[in-house]
C-alpha atoms as a PDB file:
ATOM      1  CA  MET A   1     146.417  13.034  72.339  1.00  0.00           C
ATOM      2  CA  HIS A   2     145.025  12.671  68.617  1.00  0.00           C
ATOM      3  CA  GLU A   3     143.454   9.189  66.984  1.00  0.00           C
ATOM      4  CA  PRO A   4     145.327   6.480  66.535  1.00  0.00           C
ATOM      5  CA  THR A   5     145.630   4.712  62.949  1.00  0.00           C
ATOM      6  CA  ILE A   6     144.637   1.011  64.238  1.00  0.00           C
ATOM      7  CA  ASP A   7     143.869  -0.064  67.741  1.00  0.00           C
ATOM      8  CA  HIS A   8     145.736  -2.115  69.604  1.00  0.00           C
ATOM      9  CA  ARG A   9     144.567  -5.256  68.258  1.00  0.00           C
ATOM     10  CA  ASN A  10     145.334  -4.470  64.805  1.00  0.00           C
ATOM     11  CA  LEU A  11     148.886  -3.435  65.926  1.00  0.00           C
ATOM     12  CA  VAL A  12     149.442  -6.901  67.545  1.00  0.00           C
ATOM     13  CA  ALA A  13     147.863  -8.861  64.446  1.00  0.00           C
ATOM     14  CA  SER A  14     150.086  -7.150  61.922  1.00  0.00           C
ATOM     15  CA  LEU A  15     153.524  -8.571  63.895  1.00  0.00           C
ATOM     16  CA  SER A  16     155.184 -11.177  61.638  1.00  0.00           C
ATOM     17  CA  SER A  17     155.553 -14.979  63.813  1.00  0.00           C
ATOM     18  CA  GLU A  18     159.051 -13.664  64.020  1.00  0.00           C
ATOM     19  CA  GLN A  19     158.627 -10.403  65.237  1.00  0.00           C
ATOM     20  CA  ARG A  20     156.452 -11.418  68.174  1.00  0.00           C
ATOM     21  CA  ARG A  21     158.437 -14.661  68.881  1.00  0.00           C
ATOM     22  CA  GLU A  22     161.916 -11.685  69.193  1.00  0.00           C
ATOM     23  CA  LEU A  23     159.486  -9.331  71.237  1.00  0.00           C
ATOM     24  CA  THR A  24     158.308 -11.709  73.731  1.00  0.00           C
ATOM     25  CA  GLU A  25     161.814 -13.624  74.804  1.00  0.00           C
ATOM     26  CA  THR A  26     162.320 -13.089  78.413  1.00  0.00           C
ATOM     27  CA  SER A  27     165.983 -13.545  79.786  1.00  0.00           C
ATOM     28  CA  ASP A  28     166.993 -14.353  82.764  1.00  0.00           C
ATOM     29  CA  ARG A  29     170.268 -12.645  82.731  1.00  0.00           C
ATOM     30  CA  ALA A  30     168.759  -9.446  81.578  1.00  0.00           C
ATOM     31  CA  GLY A  31     166.658  -9.684  84.299  1.00  0.00           C
ATOM     32  CA  LEU A  32     169.192 -10.341  86.737  1.00  0.00           C
ATOM     33  CA  VAL A  33     171.757  -7.592  85.325  1.00  0.00           C
ATOM     34  CA  HIS A  34     168.896  -4.688  86.216  1.00  0.00           C
ATOM     35  CA  LEU A  35     167.688  -6.629  89.466  1.00  0.00           C
ATOM     36  CA  PHE A  36     171.251  -6.018  90.981  1.00  0.00           C
ATOM     37  CA  ALA A  37     172.006  -2.794  90.007  1.00  0.00           C
ATOM     38  CA  HIS A  38     168.672  -1.592  91.340  1.00  0.00           C
ATOM     39  CA  ALA A  39     169.322  -3.779  94.818  1.00  0.00           C
ATOM     40  CA  GLY A  40     172.436  -2.836  94.409  1.00  0.00           C
ATOM     41  CA  LEU A  41     172.366   0.547  94.463  1.00  0.00           C
ATOM     42  CA  ILE A  42     169.492   0.056  97.499  1.00  0.00           C
ATOM     43  CA  VAL A  43     172.298  -1.429  99.758  1.00  0.00           C
ATOM     44  CA  PHE A  44     174.880   1.137  98.795  1.00  0.00           C
ATOM     45  CA  VAL A  45     172.870   4.120  99.709  1.00  0.00           C
ATOM     46  CA  GLY A  46     171.620   2.494 102.844  1.00  0.00           C
ATOM     47  CA  GLY A  47     175.096   1.870 103.783  1.00  0.00           C
ATOM     48  CA  LEU A  48     175.635   5.655 103.437  1.00  0.00           C
ATOM     49  CA  ILE A  49     172.763   6.384 105.327  1.00  0.00           C
ATOM     50  CA  LEU A  50     173.840   4.189 108.400  1.00  0.00           C
ATOM     51  CA  ALA A  51     177.606   4.620 108.175  1.00  0.00           C
ATOM     52  CA  ARG A  52     175.634   8.594 109.040  1.00  0.00           C
ATOM     53  CA  VAL A  53     178.258  10.538 105.722  1.00  0.00           C
ATOM     54  CA  PRO A  54     177.946  13.973 105.967  1.00  0.00           C
ATOM     55  CA  PHE A  55     174.469  15.544 104.451  1.00  0.00           C
ATOM     56  CA  TRP A  56     173.127  11.438 105.204  1.00  0.00           C
ATOM     57  CA  PRO A  57     169.401  12.806 105.490  1.00  0.00           C
ATOM     58  CA  LEU A  58     169.344  14.178 101.992  1.00  0.00           C
ATOM     59  CA  LEU A  59     169.840  10.763 101.343  1.00  0.00           C
ATOM     60  CA  LEU A  60     166.495   9.410 102.146  1.00  0.00           C
ATOM     61  CA  PRO A  61     164.191  10.700  99.232  1.00  0.00           C
ATOM     62  CA  MET A  62     167.281   8.619  97.017  1.00  0.00           C
ATOM     63  CA  GLN A  63     166.578   5.575  98.725  1.00  0.00           C
ATOM     64  CA  GLY A  64     163.072   5.795  98.674  1.00  0.00           C
ATOM     65  CA  ILE A  65     162.508   6.252  95.388  1.00  0.00           C
ATOM     66  CA  LEU A  66     164.846   3.033  94.414  1.00  0.00           C
ATOM     67  CA  ILE A  67     162.677   1.375  97.132  1.00  0.00           C
ATOM     68  CA  ALA A  68     159.279   2.619  96.313  1.00  0.00           C
ATOM     69  CA  PHE A  69     160.153   1.566  92.434  1.00  0.00           C
ATOM     70  CA  LEU A  70     160.365  -2.099  93.606  1.00  0.00           C
ATOM     71  CA  PHE A  71     156.607  -1.230  92.239  1.00  0.00           C
ATOM     72  CA  SER A  72     157.737  -1.484  88.526  1.00  0.00           C
ATOM     73  CA  LEU A  73     159.691  -4.902  89.351  1.00  0.00           C
ATOM     74  CA  GLU A  74     157.061  -6.625  91.118  1.00  0.00           C
ATOM     75  CA  HIS A  75     154.953  -5.283  88.058  1.00  0.00           C
ATOM     76  CA  GLU A  76     156.990  -7.195  85.404  1.00  0.00           C
ATOM     77  CA  THR A  77     157.630 -10.336  88.095  1.00  0.00           C
ATOM     78  CA  ILE A  78     153.688 -10.749  88.815  1.00  0.00           C
ATOM     79  CA  HIS A  79     154.157 -10.831  84.678  1.00  0.00           C
ATOM     80  CA  ARG A  80     156.192 -13.391  84.830  1.00  0.00           C
ATOM     81  CA  THR A  81     158.464 -11.247  82.253  1.00  0.00           C
ATOM     82  CA  ALA A  82     161.230  -9.716  84.419  1.00  0.00           C
ATOM     83  CA  PHE A  83     163.180 -13.225  84.062  1.00  0.00           C
ATOM     84  CA  ARG A  84     163.293 -16.688  82.455  1.00  0.00           C
ATOM     85  CA  SER A  85     162.538 -18.319  85.249  1.00  0.00           C
ATOM     86  CA  PRO A  86     159.075 -18.177  86.619  1.00  0.00           C
ATOM     87  CA  ALA A  87     160.170 -19.426  90.097  1.00  0.00           C
ATOM     88  CA  LEU A  88     162.734 -16.693  89.680  1.00  0.00           C
ATOM     89  CA  ASN A  89     159.524 -14.081  88.936  1.00  0.00           C
ATOM     90  CA  ASP A  90     157.408 -15.631  91.532  1.00  0.00           C
ATOM     91  CA  TRP A  91     160.476 -14.780  94.460  1.00  0.00           C
ATOM     92  CA  VAL A  92     161.906 -11.471  93.742  1.00  0.00           C
ATOM     93  CA  ALA A  93     157.317 -10.767  93.485  1.00  0.00           C
ATOM     94  CA  ARG A  94     157.021 -12.000  96.672  1.00  0.00           C
ATOM     95  CA  VAL A  95     160.241 -10.019  98.394  1.00  0.00           C
ATOM     96  CA  CYS A  96     159.290  -6.525  96.447  1.00  0.00           C
ATOM     97  CA  GLY A  97     156.037  -7.014  97.957  1.00  0.00           C
ATOM     98  CA  VAL A  98     157.071  -7.193 101.365  1.00  0.00           C
ATOM     99  CA  LEU A  99     159.338  -4.305 100.688  1.00  0.00           C
ATOM    100  CA  VAL A 100     156.445  -2.046  99.390  1.00  0.00           C
ATOM    101  CA  VAL A 101     153.425  -3.921 101.155  1.00  0.00           C
ATOM    102  CA  LEU A 102     151.767  -5.351  97.921  1.00  0.00           C
ATOM    103  CA  PRO A 103     151.228  -8.956  98.443  1.00  0.00           C
ATOM    104  CA  ALA A 104     152.268 -10.538  95.346  1.00  0.00           C
ATOM    105  CA  ASP A 105     149.354 -12.865  94.938  1.00  0.00           C
ATOM    106  CA  TRP A 106     146.667 -10.507  95.778  1.00  0.00           C
ATOM    107  CA  PHE A 107     148.162  -7.750  93.287  1.00  0.00           C
ATOM    108  CA  ARG A 108     148.476 -10.740  90.444  1.00  0.00           C
ATOM    109  CA  TYR A 109     145.083 -11.045  90.569  1.00  0.00           C
ATOM    110  CA  PHE A 110     144.405  -7.006  90.746  1.00  0.00           C
ATOM    111  CA  HIS A 111     146.808  -5.976  87.947  1.00  0.00           C
ATOM    112  CA  PHE A 112     145.302  -8.993  85.459  1.00  0.00           C
ATOM    113  CA  ALA A 113     141.592  -7.683  86.395  1.00  0.00           C
ATOM    114  CA  HIS A 114     143.454  -4.124  85.546  1.00  0.00           C
ATOM    115  CA  HIS A 115     144.613  -5.146  82.212  1.00  0.00           C
ATOM    116  CA  ARG A 116     141.280  -7.221  80.949  1.00  0.00           C
ATOM    117  CA  HIS A 117     139.089  -4.103  81.740  1.00  0.00           C
ATOM    118  CA  THR A 118     141.490  -1.296  81.525  1.00  0.00           C
ATOM    119  CA  GLN A 119     139.753   2.304  81.876  1.00  0.00           C
ATOM    120  CA  ASN A 120     136.495   0.148  82.615  1.00  0.00           C
ATOM    121  CA  ALA A 121     134.348   2.355  84.676  1.00  0.00           C
ATOM    122  CA  THR A 122     132.595  -0.186  86.645  1.00  0.00           C
ATOM    123  CA  ARG A 123     134.927  -3.035  85.974  1.00  0.00           C
ATOM    124  CA  ASP A 124     138.580  -1.941  86.251  1.00  0.00           C
ATOM    125  CA  PRO A 125     139.857  -2.181  89.780  1.00  0.00           C
ATOM    126  CA  GLU A 126     141.534   0.736  89.590  1.00  0.00           C
ATOM    127  CA  LEU A 127     139.372   2.902  88.776  1.00  0.00           C
ATOM    128  CA  ALA A 128     137.757   1.591  92.690  1.00  0.00           C
ATOM    129  CA  ALA A 129     139.041   5.070  93.625  1.00  0.00           C
ATOM    130  CA  PRO A 130     138.400   7.704  90.929  1.00  0.00           C
ATOM    131  CA  LYS A 131     141.660  10.142  90.006  1.00  0.00           C
ATOM    132  CA  PRO A 132     142.269  13.004  91.744  1.00  0.00           C
ATOM    133  CA  GLU A 133     140.464  15.860  90.093  1.00  0.00           C
ATOM    134  CA  ALA A 134     140.403  18.509  92.946  1.00  0.00           C
ATOM    135  CA  LEU A 135     143.308  19.853  94.581  1.00  0.00           C
ATOM    136  CA  GLY A 136     142.951  18.976  97.595  1.00  0.00           C
ATOM    137  CA  GLU A 137     142.109  15.239  96.375  1.00  0.00           C
ATOM    138  CA  TYR A 138     145.420  15.579  94.103  1.00  0.00           C
ATOM    139  CA  LEU A 139     147.391  16.244  97.628  1.00  0.00           C
ATOM    140  CA  PHE A 140     146.068  13.465  98.977  1.00  0.00           C
ATOM    141  CA  HIS A 141     146.591  11.096  96.471  1.00  0.00           C
ATOM    142  CA  ILE A 142     150.140  11.723  95.543  1.00  0.00           C
ATOM    143  CA  SER A 143     151.369  11.997  99.399  1.00  0.00           C
ATOM    144  CA  GLY A 144     150.876   8.281  99.666  1.00  0.00           C
ATOM    145  CA  LEU A 145     148.944   8.495 102.292  1.00  0.00           C
ATOM    146  CA  ARG A 146     145.554   6.531 100.168  1.00  0.00           C
ATOM    147  CA  TYR A 147     148.014   4.164  99.451  1.00  0.00           C
ATOM    148  CA  TRP A 148     149.012   2.887 102.599  1.00  0.00           C
ATOM    149  CA  ARG A 149     146.189   3.502 103.952  1.00  0.00           C
ATOM    150  CA  ALA A 150     144.462   1.073 101.416  1.00  0.00           C
ATOM    151  CA  GLN A 151     147.122  -1.642 101.428  1.00  0.00           C
ATOM    152  CA  ILE A 152     147.583  -1.869 105.288  1.00  0.00           C
ATOM    153  CA  GLY A 153     144.048  -2.467 105.345  1.00  0.00           C
ATOM    154  CA  THR A 154     143.420  -4.859 102.461  1.00  0.00           C
ATOM    155  CA  LEU A 155     146.741  -6.944 104.317  1.00  0.00           C
ATOM    156  CA  LEU A 156     144.828  -6.697 106.977  1.00  0.00           C
ATOM    157  CA  ARG A 157     141.253  -8.039 105.822  1.00  0.00           C
ATOM    158  CA  ASN A 158     143.892 -10.380 103.427  1.00  0.00           C
ATOM    159  CA  ALA A 159     145.523 -12.265 106.522  1.00  0.00           C
ATOM    160  CA  ALA A 160     142.265 -12.414 108.767  1.00  0.00           C
ATOM    161  CA  GLY A 161     140.289 -14.081 105.458  1.00  0.00           C
ATOM    162  CA  ARG A 162     137.866 -11.753 104.412  1.00  0.00           C
ATOM    163  CA  CYS A 163     138.935 -10.952 101.474  1.00  0.00           C
ATOM    164  CA  GLU A 164     136.102  -9.453  99.183  1.00  0.00           C
ATOM    165  CA  ASP A 165     137.306  -8.503  95.944  1.00  0.00           C
ATOM    166  CA  LYS A 166     135.574  -9.439  92.822  1.00  0.00           C
ATOM    167  CA  PHE A 167     138.860 -10.046  91.026  1.00  0.00           C
ATOM    168  CA  VAL A 168     140.265 -12.342  93.638  1.00  0.00           C
ATOM    169  CA  PRO A 169     138.490 -16.225  92.357  1.00  0.00           C
ATOM    170  CA  PRO A 170     137.060 -18.245  95.462  1.00  0.00           C
ATOM    171  CA  ALA A 171     140.240 -20.941  94.195  1.00  0.00           C
ATOM    172  CA  GLY A 172     142.475 -17.863  95.171  1.00  0.00           C
ATOM    173  CA  ARG A 173     141.762 -16.327  97.892  1.00  0.00           C
ATOM    174  CA  THR A 174     142.992 -19.592 100.405  1.00  0.00           C
ATOM    175  CA  LYS A 175     146.752 -18.487  98.802  1.00  0.00           C
ATOM    176  CA  VAL A 176     145.593 -14.776  99.366  1.00  0.00           C
ATOM    177  CA  HIS A 177     145.085 -15.418 102.780  1.00  0.00           C
ATOM    178  CA  ARG A 178     148.062 -17.191 103.181  1.00  0.00           C
ATOM    179  CA  GLY A 179     150.549 -14.994 101.704  1.00  0.00           C
ATOM    180  CA  ALA A 180     148.633 -11.565 103.778  1.00  0.00           C
ATOM    181  CA  ARG A 181     149.530 -14.193 107.043  1.00  0.00           C
ATOM    182  CA  ILE A 182     152.692 -14.816 106.424  1.00  0.00           C
ATOM    183  CA  MET A 183     153.688 -10.731 105.403  1.00  0.00           C
ATOM    184  CA  LEU A 184     152.049 -10.054 108.557  1.00  0.00           C
ATOM    185  CA  ALA A 185     154.187 -12.370 110.803  1.00  0.00           C
ATOM    186  CA  LEU A 186     157.799 -10.864 108.678  1.00  0.00           C
ATOM    187  CA  TYR A 187     156.597  -7.684 109.713  1.00  0.00           C
ATOM    188  CA  ALA A 188     156.108  -9.142 113.023  1.00  0.00           C
ATOM    189  CA  LEU A 189     159.879 -10.569 112.998  1.00  0.00           C
ATOM    190  CA  LEU A 190     161.545  -7.522 111.672  1.00  0.00           C
ATOM    191  CA  ALA A 191     159.985  -5.441 114.726  1.00  0.00           C
ATOM    192  CA  LEU A 192     160.942  -7.944 117.476  1.00  0.00           C
ATOM    193  CA  GLY A 193     164.290  -7.953 116.049  1.00  0.00           C
ATOM    194  CA  SER A 194     164.833  -4.452 115.960  1.00  0.00           C
ATOM    195  CA  VAL A 195     163.687  -3.543 119.273  1.00  0.00           C
ATOM    196  CA  ALA A 196     165.720  -6.481 120.811  1.00  0.00           C
ATOM    197  CA  ALA A 197     168.753  -5.685 118.775  1.00  0.00           C
ATOM    198  CA  GLY A 198     168.198  -1.956 120.343  1.00  0.00           C
ATOM    199  CA  SER A 199     168.396  -0.630 116.781  1.00  0.00           C
ATOM    200  CA  PRO A 200     166.986   1.348 114.246  1.00  0.00           C
ATOM    201  CA  ALA A 201     168.203   0.666 111.133  1.00  0.00           C
ATOM    202  CA  LEU A 202     165.485  -0.711 109.601  1.00  0.00           C
ATOM    203  CA  LEU A 203     163.820   3.112 110.368  1.00  0.00           C
ATOM    204  CA  TRP A 204     166.276   4.819 108.166  1.00  0.00           C
ATOM    205  CA  VAL A 205     166.534   2.267 105.523  1.00  0.00           C
ATOM    206  CA  TRP A 206     163.685   1.766 104.637  1.00  0.00           C
ATOM    207  CA  ILE A 207     160.445   2.797 106.668  1.00  0.00           C
ATOM    208  CA  VAL A 208     161.285   6.462 106.659  1.00  0.00           C
ATOM    209  CA  PRO A 209     162.677   6.306 103.088  1.00  0.00           C
ATOM    210  CA  ALA A 210     159.593   4.481 101.607  1.00  0.00           C
ATOM    211  CA  LEU A 211     157.421   6.960 103.452  1.00  0.00           C
ATOM    212  CA  LEU A 212     159.050   9.698 101.560  1.00  0.00           C
ATOM    213  CA  GLY A 213     159.685   7.668  97.763  1.00  0.00           C
ATOM    214  CA  GLN A 214     155.797   7.128  97.564  1.00  0.00           C
ATOM    215  CA  PRO A 215     154.768  10.555  96.182  1.00  0.00           C
ATOM    216  CA  PHE A 216     157.099  10.046  93.563  1.00  0.00           C
ATOM    217  CA  LEU A 217     155.547   6.988  92.789  1.00  0.00           C
ATOM    218  CA  ARG A 218     151.843   8.229  93.182  1.00  0.00           C
ATOM    219  CA  LEU A 219     153.531  11.045  90.377  1.00  0.00           C
ATOM    220  CA  PHE A 220     154.260   8.421  87.542  1.00  0.00           C
ATOM    221  CA  LEU A 221     152.128   6.226  88.233  1.00  0.00           C
ATOM    222  CA  LEU A 222     148.996   8.683  87.915  1.00  0.00           C
ATOM    223  CA  ALA A 223     150.247   9.079  84.087  1.00  0.00           C
ATOM    224  CA  GLU A 224     149.622   5.975  82.819  1.00  0.00           C
ATOM    225  CA  HIS A 225     146.118   6.359  82.556  1.00  0.00           C
ATOM    226  CA  GLY A 226     145.112   9.830  84.055  1.00  0.00           C
ATOM    227  CA  ARG A 227     142.535  11.871  81.852  1.00  0.00           C
ATOM    228  CA  CYS A 228     143.171   9.073  79.009  1.00  0.00           C
ATOM    229  CA  PRO A 229     139.468   8.278  77.561  1.00  0.00           C
ATOM    230  CA  PHE A 230     137.568   5.664  78.609  1.00  0.00           C
ATOM    231  CA  VAL A 231     137.663   3.359  75.580  1.00  0.00           C
ATOM    232  CA  ALA A 232     138.772  -0.349  74.857  1.00  0.00           C
ATOM    233  CA  ASN A 233     141.989   0.795  72.851  1.00  0.00           C
ATOM    234  CA  MET A 234     144.893   0.211  75.035  1.00  0.00           C
ATOM    235  CA  LEU A 235     147.166   2.673  71.962  1.00  0.00           C
ATOM    236  CA  GLU A 236     144.206   5.538  73.413  1.00  0.00           C
ATOM    237  CA  ASN A 237     143.820   3.954  77.473  1.00  0.00           C
ATOM    238  CA  SER A 238     147.409   4.347  78.312  1.00  0.00           C
ATOM    239  CA  ARG A 239     149.847   7.035  78.561  1.00  0.00           C
ATOM    240  CA  THR A 240     153.497   6.910  77.076  1.00  0.00           C
ATOM    241  CA  THR A 241     155.232   9.412  78.450  1.00  0.00           C
ATOM    242  CA  PHE A 242     158.825  10.124  77.238  1.00  0.00           C
ATOM    243  CA  THR A 243     161.505  10.780  79.545  1.00  0.00           C
ATOM    244  CA  ASN A 244     165.054  10.032  80.624  1.00  0.00           C
ATOM    245  CA  ALA A 245     166.955   6.837  80.398  1.00  0.00           C
ATOM    246  CA  VAL A 246     167.723   7.205  83.908  1.00  0.00           C
ATOM    247  CA  VAL A 247     163.655   7.450  84.838  1.00  0.00           C
ATOM    248  CA  ARG A 248     163.021   4.314  82.330  1.00  0.00           C
ATOM    249  CA  TRP A 249     166.157   2.325  84.034  1.00  0.00           C
ATOM    250  CA  LEU A 250     164.529   3.207  87.492  1.00  0.00           C
ATOM    251  CA  CYS A 251     160.705   2.348  86.564  1.00  0.00           C
ATOM    252  CA  TRP A 252     162.107  -0.847  83.948  1.00  0.00           C
ATOM    253  CA  ASN A 253     161.261   0.939  80.640  1.00  0.00           C
ATOM    254  CA  MET A 254     157.082   1.088  82.265  1.00  0.00           C
ATOM    255  CA  SER A 255     156.788   4.433  80.757  1.00  0.00           C
ATOM    256  CA  PHE A 256     155.977   2.609  77.201  1.00  0.00           C
ATOM    257  CA  HIS A 257     152.873   1.913  79.043  1.00  0.00           C
ATOM    258  CA  SER A 258     150.788   1.974  75.780  1.00  0.00           C
ATOM    259  CA  GLU A 259     153.170  -0.687  74.534  1.00  0.00           C
ATOM    260  CA  HIS A 260     152.667  -2.726  77.601  1.00  0.00           C
ATOM    261  CA  HIS A 261     149.139  -3.155  77.660  1.00  0.00           C
ATOM    262  CA  ALA A 262     148.851  -3.331  74.015  1.00  0.00           C
ATOM    263  CA  LEU A 263     151.182  -6.810  74.266  1.00  0.00           C
ATOM    264  CA  PRO A 264     152.041  -7.441  77.899  1.00  0.00           C
ATOM    265  CA  ALA A 265     153.587 -10.294  77.003  1.00  0.00           C
ATOM    266  CA  VAL A 266     156.851  -8.358  75.671  1.00  0.00           C
ATOM    267  CA  PRO A 267     160.048  -8.055  78.465  1.00  0.00           C
ATOM    268  CA  PHE A 268     161.080  -4.715  79.814  1.00  0.00           C
ATOM    269  CA  HIS A 269     163.954  -5.008  77.476  1.00  0.00           C
ATOM    270  CA  LYS A 270     162.229  -5.032  74.660  1.00  0.00           C
ATOM    271  CA  LEU A 271     159.444  -2.259  74.982  1.00  0.00           C
ATOM    272  CA  PRO A 272     161.741  -0.085  73.249  1.00  0.00           C
ATOM    273  CA  ALA A 273     161.751  -2.174  70.351  1.00  0.00           C
ATOM    274  CA  PHE A 274     157.816  -2.343  70.332  1.00  0.00           C
ATOM    275  CA  HIS A 275     157.641   1.367  70.564  1.00  0.00           C
ATOM    276  CA  ALA A 276     159.839   1.654  67.422  1.00  0.00           C
ATOM    277  CA  ILE A 277     156.863   0.045  65.902  1.00  0.00           C
ATOM    278  CA  ALA A 278     154.185   1.163  67.826  1.00  0.00           C
ATOM    279  CA  ARG A 279     154.855   5.283  68.509  1.00  0.00           C
ATOM    280  CA  ASP A 280     152.812   5.959  64.951  1.00  0.00           C
ATOM    281  CA  HIS A 281     149.944   4.603  66.672  1.00  0.00           C
ATOM    282  CA  LEU A 282     149.768   5.823  69.797  1.00  0.00           C
ATOM    283  CA  GLY A 283     147.192   7.684  71.027  1.00  0.00           C
ATOM    284  CA  ALA A 284     148.211   8.934  73.992  1.00  0.00           C
ATOM    285  CA  THR A 285     151.712  10.566  74.647  1.00  0.00           C
ATOM    286  CA  GLU A 286     153.643  13.142  77.272  1.00  0.00           C
ATOM    287  CA  GLN A 287     157.011  14.776  77.237  1.00  0.00           C
ATOM    288  CA  GLY A 288     157.885  14.100  80.153  1.00  0.00           C
ATOM    289  CA  TYR A 289     156.368  13.855  83.717  1.00  0.00           C
ATOM    290  CA  VAL A 290     157.040  17.290  84.632  1.00  0.00           C
ATOM    291  CA  ARG A 291     154.696  18.739  81.660  1.00  0.00           C
ATOM    292  CA  PHE A 292     152.029  15.715  82.372  1.00  0.00           C
ATOM    293  CA  SER A 293     151.742  17.159  86.104  1.00  0.00           C
ATOM    294  CA  ALA A 294     151.645  20.640  85.290  1.00  0.00           C
ATOM    295  CA  ARG A 295     149.056  19.965  82.986  1.00  0.00           C
ATOM    296  CA  TYR A 296     146.991  17.741  85.628  1.00  0.00           C
ATOM    297  CA  VAL A 297     147.659  20.532  88.211  1.00  0.00           C
ATOM    298  CA  ALA A 298     146.518  23.435  86.059  1.00  0.00           C
ATOM    299  CA  GLY A 299     142.690  21.541  85.290  1.00  0.00           C
ATOM    300  CA  LEU A 300     142.014  20.600  88.672  1.00  0.00           C
ATOM    301  CA  ARG A 301     139.548  22.047  90.208  1.00  0.00           C
ATOM    302  CA  GLY A 302     140.423  24.309  93.386  1.00  0.00           C
END
């Protein structure tokens, strides 16, 4: 980490009108190509699991990673940058939210508060649960158990009409409550349908893989802001992690996280171009997720 030469506001202000227009141009085509590839892989690997190909249990973590990283697609769609069509963004966000137990309407309010107050210890909702600093906390965090406990609790509270999150405005609470109830109804229908059909298909192509894939997503997300300074400059309080093309594809280019926070209107397929402009000003970077994780673990208590 080094001191950036300018802050994110100055960086964005330095862009010409033409640069800003090109960087923030969304595309249905780019989004749909990526969506069909990501969804196609989930269907393909799920088909291999159901066909019980040799060594099929080894495919479960792969399927889980593909499902868990639908979080990145939901994140992109709640910004309405994955596609040009607002309706397409909203519907894909809802479907992803069901698959990763993250209601789209609630997450939009949560995430926009995170963007407004990034790394503000008292106002950033991502910091409501502190980042792990002891070994036991770290293991619990990356297991995904904290995530599932928090999200199931949030879903049940919202469905009961008891949303008390400060980042959800009073005018948005009815929508949040309705979305949670619809999700619970869908889960109930899927469970009843599976029991009636006597089929464990959803267990093996969705539920078990989702549990196995969540730790990989937790490790990825921890790198976005873990141990970044509590300052207002997005080039310092958010980390860009340099990684390979497969990981960049899987996470919809969210490894360029400083760039995303500096100018959230940039769609996923334009983030590499914005990185080329911003890279000399980044204050928080890391050479790969393995290296980040190794350094993080080395700094844990216990």
